[in-house]
Amino acid sequence: MLKLQGWRSLGAGLIAGALAALAMPPLYWLPLAVVGLVVLVWLWDDAPTARIAALRAWFWGIGHFTVALTKPTASRQSRRHRLLPSRHPKSQ
């Protein structure tokens, strides 16, 4: 099995987290979730120390949440609806 060390392992974690985020709505590319999680476990298990394992998991999380928070919404209507204030009268 390929041994990744240093910045290469952190980059692999970043990319794997980004791939796992593509499995969420609206894309639903579910096989990428499996690939992303398997790579995370592989990087975590292969780490020589707990500190390096935590750093690799942190980079996986950065990749995951960066893509999950910046990917486009399902439709333009849903995006417009979120930006407009509610039209319901405020309760007294």
PDB file of N, CA and C in Angstrom:
ATOM      1  N   MET A   1       0.840  -1.176   0.000  1.00  0.00           N
ATOM      2  CA  MET A   1       0.000   0.000   0.000  1.00  0.00           C
ATOM      3  C   MET A   1       0.887   1.241   0.000  1.00  0.00           C
ATOM      4  N   LEU A   2       0.414   2.279  -0.615  1.00  0.00           N
ATOM      5  CA  LEU A   2       1.154   3.517  -0.752  1.00  0.00           C
ATOM      6  C   LEU A   2       1.248   4.237   0.588  1.00  0.00           C
ATOM      7  N   LYS A   3       2.452   4.638   0.956  1.00  0.00           N
ATOM      8  CA  LYS A   3       2.644   5.385   2.199  1.00  0.00           C
ATOM      9  C   LYS A   3       2.776   6.853   1.878  1.00  0.00           C
ATOM     10  N   LEU A   4       1.875   7.648   2.415  1.00  0.00           N
ATOM     11  CA  LEU A   4       1.936   9.090   2.230  1.00  0.00           C
ATOM     12  C   LEU A   4       2.459   9.724   3.509  1.00  0.00           C
ATOM     13  N   GLN A   5       3.358  10.681   3.337  1.00  0.00           N
ATOM     14  CA  GLN A   5       3.935  11.364   4.490  1.00  0.00           C
ATOM     15  C   GLN A   5       3.945  12.858   4.223  1.00  0.00           C
ATOM     16  N   GLY A   6       3.954  13.617   5.293  1.00  0.00           N
ATOM     17  CA  GLY A   6       4.078  15.062   5.187  1.00  0.00           C
ATOM     18  C   GLY A   6       2.888  15.709   4.513  1.00  0.00           C
ATOM     19  N   TRP A   7       3.198  16.672   3.661  1.00  0.00           N
ATOM     20  CA  TRP A   7       2.159  17.448   2.997  1.00  0.00           C
ATOM     21  C   TRP A   7       1.326  16.614   2.031  1.00  0.00           C
ATOM     22  N   ARG A   8       1.882  15.544   1.518  1.00  0.00           N
ATOM     23  CA  ARG A   8       1.108  14.695   0.600  1.00  0.00           C
ATOM     24  C   ARG A   8      -0.058  14.027   1.317  1.00  0.00           C
ATOM     25  N   SER A   9       0.162  13.604   2.542  1.00  0.00           N
ATOM     26  CA  SER A   9      -0.936  12.983   3.297  1.00  0.00           C
ATOM     27  C   SER A   9      -2.007  14.012   3.648  1.00  0.00           C
ATOM     28  N   LEU A  10      -1.587  15.246   3.947  1.00  0.00           N
ATOM     29  CA  LEU A  10      -2.565  16.291   4.245  1.00  0.00           C
ATOM     30  C   LEU A  10      -3.360  16.666   2.992  1.00  0.00           C
ATOM     31  N   GLY A  11      -2.679  16.722   1.853  1.00  0.00           N
ATOM     32  CA  GLY A  11      -3.374  17.007   0.590  1.00  0.00           C
ATOM     33  C   GLY A  11      -4.334  15.903   0.219  1.00  0.00           C
ATOM     34  N   ALA A  12      -3.948  14.654   0.475  1.00  0.00           N
ATOM     35  CA  ALA A  12      -4.854  13.535   0.195  1.00  0.00           C
ATOM     36  C   ALA A  12      -6.086  13.607   1.084  1.00  0.00           C
ATOM     37  N   GLY A  13      -5.904  14.011   2.339  1.00  0.00           N
ATOM     38  CA  GLY A  13      -7.040  14.172   3.234  1.00  0.00           C
ATOM     39  C   GLY A  13      -7.960  15.293   2.777  1.00  0.00           C
ATOM     40  N   LEU A  14      -7.377  16.389   2.318  1.00  0.00           N
ATOM     41  CA  LEU A  14      -8.156  17.523   1.823  1.00  0.00           C
ATOM     42  C   LEU A  14      -8.997  17.120   0.613  1.00  0.00           C
ATOM     43  N   ILE A  15      -8.390  16.418  -0.321  1.00  0.00           N
ATOM     44  CA  ILE A  15      -9.101  15.984  -1.527  1.00  0.00           C
ATOM     45  C   ILE A  15     -10.168  14.938  -1.185  1.00  0.00           C
ATOM     46  N   ALA A  16      -9.845  14.018  -0.286  1.00  0.00           N
ATOM     47  CA  ALA A  16     -10.817  12.992   0.090  1.00  0.00           C
ATOM     48  C   ALA A  16     -12.031  13.606   0.782  1.00  0.00           C
ATOM     49  N   GLY A  17     -11.803  14.612   1.613  1.00  0.00           N
ATOM     50  CA  GLY A  17     -12.923  15.294   2.252  1.00  0.00           C
ATOM     51  C   GLY A  17     -13.788  16.024   1.245  1.00  0.00           C
ATOM     52  N   ALA A  18     -13.144  16.642   0.251  1.00  0.00           N
ATOM     53  CA  ALA A  18     -13.897  17.335  -0.797  1.00  0.00           C
ATOM     54  C   ALA A  18     -14.723  16.344  -1.609  1.00  0.00           C
ATOM     55  N   LEU A  19     -14.158  15.186  -1.906  1.00  0.00           N
ATOM     56  CA  LEU A  19     -14.915  14.172  -2.655  1.00  0.00           C
ATOM     57  C   LEU A  19     -16.109  13.668  -1.856  1.00  0.00           C
ATOM     58  N   ALA A  20     -15.925  13.490  -0.556  1.00  0.00           N
ATOM     59  CA  ALA A  20     -17.035  13.012   0.271  1.00  0.00           C
ATOM     60  C   ALA A  20     -18.166  14.031   0.323  1.00  0.00           C
ATOM     61  N   ALA A  21     -17.836  15.309   0.237  1.00  0.00           N
ATOM     62  CA  ALA A  21     -18.875  16.341   0.274  1.00  0.00           C
ATOM     63  C   ALA A  21     -19.731  16.332  -0.985  1.00  0.00           C
ATOM     64  N   LEU A  22     -19.200  15.834  -2.078  1.00  0.00           N
ATOM     65  CA  LEU A  22     -19.974  15.788  -3.322  1.00  0.00           C
ATOM     66  C   LEU A  22     -21.078  14.737  -3.278  1.00  0.00           C
ATOM     67  N   ALA A  23     -21.094  13.906  -2.253  1.00  0.00           N
ATOM     68  CA  ALA A  23     -22.141  12.893  -2.110  1.00  0.00           C
ATOM     69  C   ALA A  23     -23.408  13.466  -1.491  1.00  0.00           C
ATOM     70  N   MET A  24     -23.340  14.684  -0.984  1.00  0.00           N
ATOM     71  CA  MET A  24     -24.506  15.299  -0.359  1.00  0.00           C
ATOM     72  C   MET A  24     -25.352  16.007  -1.419  1.00  0.00           C
ATOM     73  N   PRO A  25     -26.585  16.400  -1.061  1.00  0.00           N
ATOM     74  CA  PRO A  25     -27.439  17.097  -2.027  1.00  0.00           C
ATOM     75  C   PRO A  25     -26.786  18.382  -2.504  1.00  0.00           C
ATOM     76  N   PRO A  26     -26.998  18.834  -3.693  1.00  0.00           N
ATOM     77  CA  PRO A  26     -27.907  18.345  -4.721  1.00  0.00           C
ATOM     78  C   PRO A  26     -27.262  17.350  -5.679  1.00  0.00           C
ATOM     79  N   LEU A  27     -26.010  17.005  -5.527  1.00  0.00           N
ATOM     80  CA  LEU A  27     -25.342  16.138  -6.503  1.00  0.00           C
ATOM     81  C   LEU A  27     -25.603  14.653  -6.270  1.00  0.00           C
ATOM     82  N   TYR A  28     -25.589  14.213  -5.037  1.00  0.00           N
ATOM     83  CA  TYR A  28     -25.855  12.813  -4.674  1.00  0.00           C
ATOM     84  C   TYR A  28     -24.916  11.823  -5.364  1.00  0.00           C
ATOM     85  N   TRP A  29     -23.638  12.130  -5.447  1.00  0.00           N
ATOM     86  CA  TRP A  29     -22.665  11.193  -6.011  1.00  0.00           C
ATOM     87  C   TRP A  29     -22.197  10.279  -4.882  1.00  0.00           C
ATOM     88  N   LEU A  30     -23.037   9.340  -4.499  1.00  0.00           N
ATOM     89  CA  LEU A  30     -22.844   8.535  -3.295  1.00  0.00           C
ATOM     90  C   LEU A  30     -21.574   7.685  -3.272  1.00  0.00           C
ATOM     91  N   PRO A  31     -21.097   7.134  -4.387  1.00  0.00           N
ATOM     92  CA  PRO A  31     -19.851   6.369  -4.306  1.00  0.00           C
ATOM     93  C   PRO A  31     -18.659   7.206  -3.817  1.00  0.00           C
ATOM     94  N   LEU A  32     -18.717   8.515  -4.031  1.00  0.00           N
ATOM     95  CA  LEU A  32     -17.622   9.360  -3.562  1.00  0.00           C
ATOM     96  C   LEU A  32     -17.589   9.462  -2.047  1.00  0.00           C
ATOM     97  N   ALA A  33     -18.723   9.287  -1.388  1.00  0.00           N
ATOM     98  CA  ALA A  33     -18.743   9.275   0.073  1.00  0.00           C
ATOM     99  C   ALA A  33     -17.967   8.079   0.603  1.00  0.00           C
ATOM    100  N   VAL A  34     -18.153   6.945  -0.038  1.00  0.00           N
ATOM    101  CA  VAL A  34     -17.426   5.745   0.380  1.00  0.00           C
ATOM    102  C   VAL A  34     -15.934   5.937   0.168  1.00  0.00           C
ATOM    103  N   VAL A  35     -15.553   6.462  -0.990  1.00  0.00           N
ATOM    104  CA  VAL A  35     -14.132   6.692  -1.283  1.00  0.00           C
ATOM    105  C   VAL A  35     -13.538   7.674  -0.273  1.00  0.00           C
ATOM    106  N   GLY A  36     -14.237   8.761  -0.004  1.00  0.00           N
ATOM    107  CA  GLY A  36     -13.724   9.764   0.931  1.00  0.00           C
ATOM    108  C   GLY A  36     -13.545   9.224   2.334  1.00  0.00           C
ATOM    109  N   LEU A  37     -14.501   8.447   2.797  1.00  0.00           N
ATOM    110  CA  LEU A  37     -14.396   7.894   4.150  1.00  0.00           C
ATOM    111  C   LEU A  37     -13.339   6.801   4.254  1.00  0.00           C
ATOM    112  N   VAL A  38     -13.210   5.992   3.210  1.00  0.00           N
ATOM    113  CA  VAL A  38     -12.177   4.949   3.221  1.00  0.00           C
ATOM    114  C   VAL A  38     -10.788   5.581   3.252  1.00  0.00           C
ATOM    115  N   VAL A  39     -10.592   6.639   2.478  1.00  0.00           N
ATOM    116  CA  VAL A  39      -9.296   7.325   2.486  1.00  0.00           C
ATOM    117  C   VAL A  39      -9.035   7.953   3.846  1.00  0.00           C
ATOM    118  N   LEU A  40     -10.077   8.520   4.468  1.00  0.00           N
ATOM    119  CA  LEU A  40      -9.902   9.093   5.805  1.00  0.00           C
ATOM    120  C   LEU A  40      -9.442   8.039   6.806  1.00  0.00           C
ATOM    121  N   VAL A  41     -10.099   6.894   6.811  1.00  0.00           N
ATOM    122  CA  VAL A  41      -9.725   5.827   7.742  1.00  0.00           C
ATOM    123  C   VAL A  41      -8.327   5.313   7.428  1.00  0.00           C
ATOM    124  N   TRP A  42      -8.001   5.202   6.159  1.00  0.00           N
ATOM    125  CA  TRP A  42      -6.672   4.742   5.756  1.00  0.00           C
ATOM    126  C   TRP A  42      -5.594   5.720   6.224  1.00  0.00           C
ATOM    127  N   LEU A  43      -5.816   7.011   6.024  1.00  0.00           N
ATOM    128  CA  LEU A  43      -4.842   8.011   6.468  1.00  0.00           C
ATOM    129  C   LEU A  43      -4.731   8.041   7.986  1.00  0.00           C
ATOM    130  N   TRP A  44      -5.836   7.891   8.653  1.00  0.00           N
ATOM    131  CA  TRP A  44      -5.864   7.923  10.097  1.00  0.00           C
ATOM    132  C   TRP A  44      -5.143   6.704  10.678  1.00  0.00           C
ATOM    133  N   ASP A  45      -5.392   5.544  10.098  1.00  0.00           N
ATOM    134  CA  ASP A  45      -4.791   4.315  10.587  1.00  0.00           C
ATOM    135  C   ASP A  45      -3.291   4.259  10.296  1.00  0.00           C
ATOM    136  N   ASP A  46      -2.866   4.880   9.224  1.00  0.00           N
ATOM    137  CA  ASP A  46      -1.463   4.837   8.804  1.00  0.00           C
ATOM    138  C   ASP A  46      -0.592   5.885   9.504  1.00  0.00           C
ATOM    139  N   ALA A  47      -1.201   6.775  10.280  1.00  0.00           N
ATOM    140  CA  ALA A  47      -0.442   7.845  10.930  1.00  0.00           C
ATOM    141  C   ALA A  47       0.449   7.286  12.040  1.00  0.00           C
ATOM    142  N   PRO A  48       1.710   7.782  12.137  1.00  0.00           N
ATOM    143  CA  PRO A  48       2.612   7.267  13.160  1.00  0.00           C
ATOM    144  C   PRO A  48       2.265   7.727  14.576  1.00  0.00           C
ATOM    145  N   THR A  49       1.657   8.906  14.729  1.00  0.00           N
ATOM    146  CA  THR A  49       1.290   9.405  16.057  1.00  0.00           C
ATOM    147  C   THR A  49      -0.155   9.881  16.041  1.00  0.00           C
ATOM    148  N   ALA A  50      -0.690  10.035  17.241  1.00  0.00           N
ATOM    149  CA  ALA A  50      -2.072  10.511  17.361  1.00  0.00           C
ATOM    150  C   ALA A  50      -2.186  11.961  16.883  1.00  0.00           C
ATOM    151  N   ARG A  51      -1.152  12.747  17.076  1.00  0.00           N
ATOM    152  CA  ARG A  51      -1.179  14.146  16.650  1.00  0.00           C
ATOM    153  C   ARG A  51      -1.256  14.253  15.120  1.00  0.00           C
ATOM    154  N   ILE A  52      -0.498  13.439  14.434  1.00  0.00           N
ATOM    155  CA  ILE A  52      -0.525  13.446  12.973  1.00  0.00           C
ATOM    156  C   ILE A  52      -1.860  12.909  12.465  1.00  0.00           C
ATOM    157  N   ALA A  53      -2.407  11.910  13.140  1.00  0.00           N
ATOM    158  CA  ALA A  53      -3.722  11.385  12.758  1.00  0.00           C
ATOM    159  C   ALA A  53      -4.794  12.470  12.899  1.00  0.00           C
ATOM    160  N   ALA A  54      -4.726  13.239  13.975  1.00  0.00           N
ATOM    161  CA  ALA A  54      -5.691  14.321  14.176  1.00  0.00           C
ATOM    162  C   ALA A  54      -5.514  15.412  13.121  1.00  0.00           C
ATOM    163  N   LEU A  55      -4.281  15.709  12.741  1.00  0.00           N
ATOM    164  CA  LEU A  55      -4.025  16.721  11.726  1.00  0.00           C
ATOM    165  C   LEU A  55      -4.558  16.278  10.366  1.00  0.00           C
ATOM    166  N   ARG A  56      -4.377  15.011  10.043  1.00  0.00           N
ATOM    167  CA  ARG A  56      -4.909  14.499   8.778  1.00  0.00           C
ATOM    168  C   ARG A  56      -6.429  14.529   8.775  1.00  0.00           C
ATOM    169  N   ALA A  57      -7.059  14.180   9.888  1.00  0.00           N
ATOM    170  CA  ALA A  57      -8.522  14.240   9.982  1.00  0.00           C
ATOM    171  C   ALA A  57      -9.009  15.689   9.916  1.00  0.00           C
ATOM    172  N   TRP A  58      -8.245  16.610  10.480  1.00  0.00           N
ATOM    173  CA  TRP A  58      -8.598  18.025  10.425  1.00  0.00           C
ATOM    174  C   TRP A  58      -8.608  18.520   8.976  1.00  0.00           C
ATOM    175  N   PHE A  59      -7.591  18.127   8.207  1.00  0.00           N
ATOM    176  CA  PHE A  59      -7.539  18.535   6.801  1.00  0.00           C
ATOM    177  C   PHE A  59      -8.659  17.889   6.004  1.00  0.00           C
ATOM    178  N   TRP A  60      -9.033  16.663   6.334  1.00  0.00           N
ATOM    179  CA  TRP A  60     -10.177  16.027   5.688  1.00  0.00           C
ATOM    180  C   TRP A  60     -11.433  16.853   5.964  1.00  0.00           C
ATOM    181  N   GLY A  61     -11.607  17.279   7.194  1.00  0.00           N
ATOM    182  CA  GLY A  61     -12.758  18.090   7.551  1.00  0.00           C
ATOM    183  C   GLY A  61     -12.766  19.439   6.853  1.00  0.00           C
ATOM    184  N   ILE A  62     -11.583  20.052   6.708  1.00  0.00           N
ATOM    185  CA  ILE A  62     -11.500  21.324   5.988  1.00  0.00           C
ATOM    186  C   ILE A  62     -11.956  21.140   4.542  1.00  0.00           C
ATOM    187  N   GLY A  63     -11.477  20.103   3.880  1.00  0.00           N
ATOM    188  CA  GLY A  63     -11.893  19.841   2.510  1.00  0.00           C
ATOM    189  C   GLY A  63     -13.379  19.553   2.406  1.00  0.00           C
ATOM    190  N   HIS A  64     -13.884  18.789   3.357  1.00  0.00           N
ATOM    191  CA  HIS A  64     -15.295  18.418   3.340  1.00  0.00           C
ATOM    192  C   HIS A  64     -16.185  19.645   3.516  1.00  0.00           C
ATOM    193  N   PHE A  65     -15.932  20.444   4.519  1.00  0.00           N
ATOM    194  CA  PHE A  65     -16.817  21.568   4.801  1.00  0.00           C
ATOM    195  C   PHE A  65     -16.630  22.715   3.822  1.00  0.00           C
ATOM    196  N   THR A  66     -15.445  22.866   3.258  1.00  0.00           N
ATOM    197  CA  THR A  66     -15.257  23.908   2.249  1.00  0.00           C
ATOM    198  C   THR A  66     -16.115  23.628   1.023  1.00  0.00           C
ATOM    199  N   VAL A  67     -16.095  22.404   0.560  1.00  0.00           N
ATOM    200  CA  VAL A  67     -16.904  22.057  -0.615  1.00  0.00           C
ATOM    201  C   VAL A  67     -18.389  22.025  -0.248  1.00  0.00           C
ATOM    202  N   ALA A  68     -18.723  21.508   0.912  1.00  0.00           N
ATOM    203  CA  ALA A  68     -20.134  21.409   1.299  1.00  0.00           C
ATOM    204  C   ALA A  68     -20.774  22.778   1.469  1.00  0.00           C
ATOM    205  N   LEU A  69     -20.018  23.762   1.889  1.00  0.00           N
ATOM    206  CA  LEU A  69     -20.589  25.084   2.119  1.00  0.00           C
ATOM    207  C   LEU A  69     -20.541  25.991   0.901  1.00  0.00           C
ATOM    208  N   THR A  70     -19.780  25.625  -0.134  1.00  0.00           N
ATOM    209  CA  THR A  70     -19.654  26.496  -1.292  1.00  0.00           C
ATOM    210  C   THR A  70     -20.271  25.933  -2.563  1.00  0.00           C
ATOM    211  N   LYS A  71     -20.772  24.708  -2.555  1.00  0.00           N
ATOM    212  CA  LYS A  71     -21.347  24.168  -3.783  1.00  0.00           C
ATOM    213  C   LYS A  71     -22.701  24.819  -4.053  1.00  0.00           C
ATOM    214  N   PRO A  72     -23.114  24.855  -5.298  1.00  0.00           N
ATOM    215  CA  PRO A  72     -24.346  25.555  -5.647  1.00  0.00           C
ATOM    216  C   PRO A  72     -25.580  24.883  -5.064  1.00  0.00           C
ATOM    217  N   THR A  73     -26.606  25.666  -4.869  1.00  0.00           N
ATOM    218  CA  THR A  73     -27.855  25.111  -4.360  1.00  0.00           C
ATOM    219  C   THR A  73     -28.600  24.400  -5.486  1.00  0.00           C
ATOM    220  N   ALA A  74     -29.654  23.712  -5.135  1.00  0.00           N
ATOM    221  CA  ALA A  74     -30.380  22.894  -6.108  1.00  0.00           C
ATOM    222  C   ALA A  74     -31.038  23.734  -7.192  1.00  0.00           C
ATOM    223  N   SER A  75     -31.551  24.878  -6.835  1.00  0.00           N
ATOM    224  CA  SER A  75     -32.204  25.702  -7.839  1.00  0.00           C
ATOM    225  C   SER A  75     -32.055  27.173  -7.470  1.00  0.00           C
ATOM    226  N   ARG A  76     -32.279  27.993  -8.437  1.00  0.00           N
ATOM    227  CA  ARG A  76     -32.181  29.430  -8.208  1.00  0.00           C
ATOM    228  C   ARG A  76     -33.311  29.910  -7.302  1.00  0.00           C
ATOM    229  N   GLN A  77     -34.466  29.293  -7.412  1.00  0.00           N
ATOM    230  CA  GLN A  77     -35.615  29.677  -6.596  1.00  0.00           C
ATOM    231  C   GLN A  77     -35.318  29.468  -5.114  1.00  0.00           C
ATOM    232  N   SER A  78     -34.720  28.348  -4.754  1.00  0.00           N
ATOM    233  CA  SER A  78     -34.448  28.101  -3.336  1.00  0.00           C
ATOM    234  C   SER A  78     -33.440  29.102  -2.796  1.00  0.00           C
ATOM    235  N   ARG A  79     -32.489  29.517  -3.610  1.00  0.00           N
ATOM    236  CA  ARG A  79     -31.500  30.496  -3.168  1.00  0.00           C
ATOM    237  C   ARG A  79     -32.167  31.849  -2.948  1.00  0.00           C
ATOM    238  N   ARG A  80     -33.066  32.241  -3.855  1.00  0.00           N
ATOM    239  CA  ARG A  80     -33.749  33.517  -3.715  1.00  0.00           C
ATOM    240  C   ARG A  80     -34.636  33.510  -2.480  1.00  0.00           C
ATOM    241  N   HIS A  81     -35.261  32.380  -2.224  1.00  0.00           N
ATOM    242  CA  HIS A  81     -36.160  32.271  -1.076  1.00  0.00           C
ATOM    243  C   HIS A  81     -35.395  32.444   0.238  1.00  0.00           C
ATOM    244  N   ARG A  82     -34.190  31.943   0.312  1.00  0.00           N
ATOM    245  CA  ARG A  82     -33.414  32.072   1.544  1.00  0.00           C
ATOM    246  C   ARG A  82     -32.985  33.505   1.798  1.00  0.00           C
ATOM    247  N   LEU A  83     -32.777  34.287   0.746  1.00  0.00           N
ATOM    248  CA  LEU A  83     -32.267  35.634   0.900  1.00  0.00           C
ATOM    249  C   LEU A  83     -33.351  36.663   1.210  1.00  0.00           C
ATOM    250  N   LEU A  84     -34.598  36.346   0.883  1.00  0.00           N
ATOM    251  CA  LEU A  84     -35.683  37.286   1.127  1.00  0.00           C
ATOM    252  C   LEU A  84     -36.223  37.125   2.548  1.00  0.00           C
ATOM    253  N   PRO A  85     -36.649  38.228   3.150  1.00  0.00           N
ATOM    254  CA  PRO A  85     -37.257  38.100   4.485  1.00  0.00           C
ATOM    255  C   PRO A  85     -38.615  37.405   4.386  1.00  0.00           C
ATOM    256  N   SER A  86     -39.058  36.903   5.474  1.00  0.00           N
ATOM    257  CA  SER A  86     -40.347  36.214   5.513  1.00  0.00           C
ATOM    258  C   SER A  86     -41.481  37.202   5.263  1.00  0.00           C
ATOM    259  N   ARG A  87     -42.504  36.759   4.543  1.00  0.00           N
ATOM    260  CA  ARG A  87     -43.641  37.613   4.241  1.00  0.00           C
ATOM    261  C   ARG A  87     -44.763  37.456   5.260  1.00  0.00           C
ATOM    262  N   HIS A  88     -44.565  36.612   6.230  1.00  0.00           N
ATOM    263  CA  HIS A  88     -45.585  36.394   7.253  1.00  0.00           C
ATOM    264  C   HIS A  88     -45.538  37.523   8.272  1.00  0.00           C
ATOM    265  N   PRO A  89     -46.708  37.948   8.760  1.00  0.00           N
ATOM    266  CA  PRO A  89     -46.705  39.014   9.773  1.00  0.00           C
ATOM    267  C   PRO A  89     -46.070  38.493  11.066  1.00  0.00           C
ATOM    268  N   LYS A  90     -45.394  39.368  11.708  1.00  0.00           N
ATOM    269  CA  LYS A  90     -44.732  38.987  12.960  1.00  0.00           C
ATOM    270  C   LYS A  90     -45.781  38.780  14.034  1.00  0.00           C
ATOM    271  N   SER A  91     -45.552  37.772  14.816  1.00  0.00           N
ATOM    272  CA  SER A  91     -46.501  37.484  15.913  1.00  0.00           C
ATOM    273  C   SER A  91     -46.263  38.497  17.028  1.00  0.00           C
ATOM    274  N   GLN A  92     -47.325  38.883  17.673  1.00  0.00           N
ATOM    275  CA  GLN A  92     -47.239  39.911  18.704  1.00  0.00           C
ATOM    276  C   GLN A  92     -46.977  39.311  20.047  1.00  0.00           C
TER     277      GLN A  92
END
